[in-house]
Amino acid sequence: MAYSATLLQRWLYLAAGLRLLSVYVGLFQVEKFRTNLFPLATNQVTDLYGRTFATWTSVTCVLCIVCARNVSSPAIYGACAGTGRIETCIVNVVRRFGPCRRRGGWS
């Protein structure tokens, strides 16, 4: 296997591990999730918000692991890259319209 593929595998395993940590925070440490991720509107972040975040993050964690095990498969690699793009879009939408929106901003 090429050196760049080995580095990509390591990166994907690291990303999966960090996502797994985020799943734990979303499920079991919801208060930290509220105060650290959405400090401007902690009253709007419910337990359901944390569970939804944990569910999405667990799906992307599994996809990272599958992609790391099959780096040479274009379809799997595309699925993993696609979830990263979707995740970026979701974060941007939540920042603009969701609980972390600044007071006095968009109405």
C-alpha atoms as a PDB file:
ATOM      1  CA  MET A   1       0.000   0.000   0.000  1.00  0.00           C
ATOM      2  CA  ALA A   2       1.254   3.490  -0.823  1.00  0.00           C
ATOM      3  CA  TYR A   3       2.491   5.798   1.913  1.00  0.00           C
ATOM      4  CA  SER A   4      -0.295   8.334   1.243  1.00  0.00           C
ATOM      5  CA  ALA A   5      -2.947   5.614   1.614  1.00  0.00           C
ATOM      6  CA  THR A   6      -1.443   4.615   4.971  1.00  0.00           C
ATOM      7  CA  LEU A   7      -1.560   8.231   6.137  1.00  0.00           C
ATOM      8  CA  LEU A   8      -5.166   8.521   4.958  1.00  0.00           C
ATOM      9  CA  GLN A   9      -6.092   5.384   6.899  1.00  0.00           C
ATOM     10  CA  ARG A  10      -4.504   6.737  10.056  1.00  0.00           C
ATOM     11  CA  TRP A  11      -6.274  10.055   9.624  1.00  0.00           C
ATOM     12  CA  LEU A  12      -9.642   8.345   9.115  1.00  0.00           C
ATOM     13  CA  TYR A  13      -9.163   6.160  12.213  1.00  0.00           C
ATOM     14  CA  LEU A  14      -8.268   9.266  14.215  1.00  0.00           C
ATOM     15  CA  ALA A  15     -11.335  11.095  12.880  1.00  0.00           C
ATOM     16  CA  ALA A  16     -13.506   8.084  13.755  1.00  0.00           C
ATOM     17  CA  GLY A  17     -12.128   8.040  17.293  1.00  0.00           C
ATOM     18  CA  LEU A  18     -12.852  11.733  17.772  1.00  0.00           C
ATOM     19  CA  ARG A  19     -16.348  11.250  16.403  1.00  0.00           C
ATOM     20  CA  LEU A  20     -16.880   8.400  18.843  1.00  0.00           C
ATOM     21  CA  LEU A  21     -15.927  10.771  21.645  1.00  0.00           C
ATOM     22  CA  SER A  22     -18.494  13.238  20.288  1.00  0.00           C
ATOM     23  CA  VAL A  23     -21.148  10.505  20.350  1.00  0.00           C
ATOM     24  CA  TYR A  24     -20.456  10.001  24.051  1.00  0.00           C
ATOM     25  CA  VAL A  25     -20.771  13.735  24.724  1.00  0.00           C
ATOM     26  CA  GLY A  26     -24.033  13.973  22.745  1.00  0.00           C
ATOM     27  CA  LEU A  27     -25.590  11.049  24.604  1.00  0.00           C
ATOM     28  CA  PHE A  28     -24.247  11.223  28.132  1.00  0.00           C
ATOM     29  CA  GLN A  29     -22.808  14.712  28.657  1.00  0.00           C
ATOM     30  CA  VAL A  30     -25.630  16.836  27.235  1.00  0.00           C
ATOM     31  CA  GLU A  31     -24.888  19.714  29.612  1.00  0.00           C
ATOM     32  CA  LYS A  32     -21.364  20.033  28.179  1.00  0.00           C
ATOM     33  CA  PHE A  33     -22.906  19.822  24.730  1.00  0.00           C
ATOM     34  CA  ARG A  34     -25.210  22.737  25.600  1.00  0.00           C
ATOM     35  CA  THR A  35     -22.676  25.013  27.234  1.00  0.00           C
ATOM     36  CA  ASN A  36     -19.650  24.396  25.005  1.00  0.00           C
ATOM     37  CA  LEU A  37     -21.219  24.027  21.576  1.00  0.00           C
ATOM     38  CA  PHE A  38     -24.197  26.392  21.884  1.00  0.00           C
ATOM     39  CA  PRO A  39     -23.264  28.911  24.599  1.00  0.00           C
ATOM     40  CA  LEU A  40     -25.568  31.658  23.281  1.00  0.00           C
ATOM     41  CA  ALA A  41     -28.827  29.687  23.595  1.00  0.00           C
ATOM     42  CA  THR A  42     -28.409  26.873  26.104  1.00  0.00           C
ATOM     43  CA  ASN A  43     -32.145  26.835  26.874  1.00  0.00           C
ATOM     44  CA  GLN A  44     -32.954  25.823  23.279  1.00  0.00           C
ATOM     45  CA  VAL A  45     -30.711  22.759  23.207  1.00  0.00           C
ATOM     46  CA  THR A  46     -32.707  19.774  24.431  1.00  0.00           C
ATOM     47  CA  ASP A  47     -31.757  16.164  25.098  1.00  0.00           C
ATOM     48  CA  LEU A  48     -33.246  15.329  21.693  1.00  0.00           C
ATOM     49  CA  TYR A  49     -30.731  17.706  20.113  1.00  0.00           C
ATOM     50  CA  GLY A  50     -27.913  15.769  21.779  1.00  0.00           C
ATOM     51  CA  ARG A  51     -29.301  12.401  20.693  1.00  0.00           C
ATOM     52  CA  THR A  52     -29.756  13.598  17.108  1.00  0.00           C
ATOM     53  CA  PHE A  53     -26.179  14.858  17.070  1.00  0.00           C
ATOM     54  CA  ALA A  54     -24.962  11.536  18.507  1.00  0.00           C
ATOM     55  CA  THR A  55     -26.901   9.529  15.923  1.00  0.00           C
ATOM     56  CA  TRP A  56     -25.525  11.481  12.983  1.00  0.00           C
ATOM     57  CA  THR A  57     -22.011  11.394  14.407  1.00  0.00           C
ATOM     58  CA  SER A  58     -22.157   7.628  14.965  1.00  0.00           C
ATOM     59  CA  VAL A  59     -23.149   7.121  11.309  1.00  0.00           C
ATOM     60  CA  THR A  60     -20.224   9.226  10.124  1.00  0.00           C
ATOM     61  CA  CYS A  61     -17.930   7.395  12.564  1.00  0.00           C
ATOM     62  CA  VAL A  62     -18.866   4.042  11.047  1.00  0.00           C
ATOM     63  CA  LEU A  63     -18.375   5.426   7.538  1.00  0.00           C
ATOM     64  CA  CYS A  64     -14.896   6.679   8.485  1.00  0.00           C
ATOM     65  CA  ILE A  65     -13.951   3.213   9.722  1.00  0.00           C
ATOM     66  CA  VAL A  66     -15.356   1.517   6.612  1.00  0.00           C
ATOM     67  CA  CYS A  67     -13.493   3.967   4.396  1.00  0.00           C
ATOM     68  CA  ALA A  68     -10.252   3.483   6.341  1.00  0.00           C
ATOM     69  CA  ARG A  69     -10.500  -0.269   5.835  1.00  0.00           C
ATOM     70  CA  ASN A  70     -11.231   0.107   2.089  1.00  0.00           C
ATOM     71  CA  VAL A  71      -9.288   3.172   0.974  1.00  0.00           C
ATOM     72  CA  SER A  72      -9.042   1.963  -2.601  1.00  0.00           C
ATOM     73  CA  SER A  73     -12.832   1.763  -3.129  1.00  0.00           C
ATOM     74  CA  PRO A  74     -14.047   4.930  -4.883  1.00  0.00           C
ATOM     75  CA  ALA A  75     -17.686   4.384  -3.894  1.00  0.00           C
ATOM     76  CA  ILE A  76     -16.930   4.051  -0.189  1.00  0.00           C
ATOM     77  CA  TYR A  77     -14.476   6.947  -0.309  1.00  0.00           C
ATOM     78  CA  GLY A  78     -17.129   9.088  -2.035  1.00  0.00           C
ATOM     79  CA  ALA A  79     -19.700   8.208   0.615  1.00  0.00           C
ATOM     80  CA  CYS A  80     -17.301   9.209   3.378  1.00  0.00           C
ATOM     81  CA  ALA A  81     -16.392  12.471   1.643  1.00  0.00           C
ATOM     82  CA  GLY A  82     -20.074  13.164   0.984  1.00  0.00           C
ATOM     83  CA  THR A  83     -21.008  12.825   4.638  1.00  0.00           C
ATOM     84  CA  GLY A  84     -18.256  15.292   5.470  1.00  0.00           C
ATOM     85  CA  ARG A  85     -19.757  17.797   3.057  1.00  0.00           C
ATOM     86  CA  ILE A  86     -23.258  17.232   4.447  1.00  0.00           C
ATOM     87  CA  GLU A  87     -21.929  17.670   7.972  1.00  0.00           C
ATOM     88  CA  THR A  88     -20.350  20.986   7.007  1.00  0.00           C
ATOM     89  CA  CYS A  89     -23.661  22.159   5.545  1.00  0.00           C
ATOM     90  CA  ILE A  90     -25.573  21.135   8.673  1.00  0.00           C
ATOM     91  CA  VAL A  91     -23.143  22.994  10.931  1.00  0.00           C
ATOM     92  CA  ASN A  92     -23.463  26.119   8.780  1.00  0.00           C
ATOM     93  CA  VAL A  93     -27.275  25.966   8.831  1.00  0.00           C
ATOM     94  CA  VAL A  94     -27.355  25.481  12.601  1.00  0.00           C
ATOM     95  CA  ARG A  95     -24.957  28.374  13.099  1.00  0.00           C
ATOM     96  CA  ARG A  96     -27.033  30.653  10.932  1.00  0.00           C
ATOM     97  CA  PHE A  97     -30.575  29.685  11.939  1.00  0.00           C
ATOM     98  CA  GLY A  98     -30.233  27.454  14.992  1.00  0.00           C
ATOM     99  CA  PRO A  99     -29.654  27.889  18.702  1.00  0.00           C
ATOM    100  CA  CYS A 100     -26.177  29.359  18.381  1.00  0.00           C
ATOM    101  CA  ARG A 101     -27.407  32.320  16.361  1.00  0.00           C
ATOM    102  CA  ARG A 102     -26.424  35.646  17.908  1.00  0.00           C
ATOM    103  CA  ARG A 103     -29.106  37.732  19.542  1.00  0.00           C
ATOM    104  CA  GLY A 104     -30.219  40.610  17.361  1.00  0.00           C
ATOM    105  CA  GLY A 105     -29.064  38.865  14.193  1.00  0.00           C
ATOM    106  CA  TRP A 106     -31.300  37.399  11.544  1.00  0.00           C
ATOM    107  CA  SER A 107     -34.961  37.519  12.520  1.00  0.00           C
END
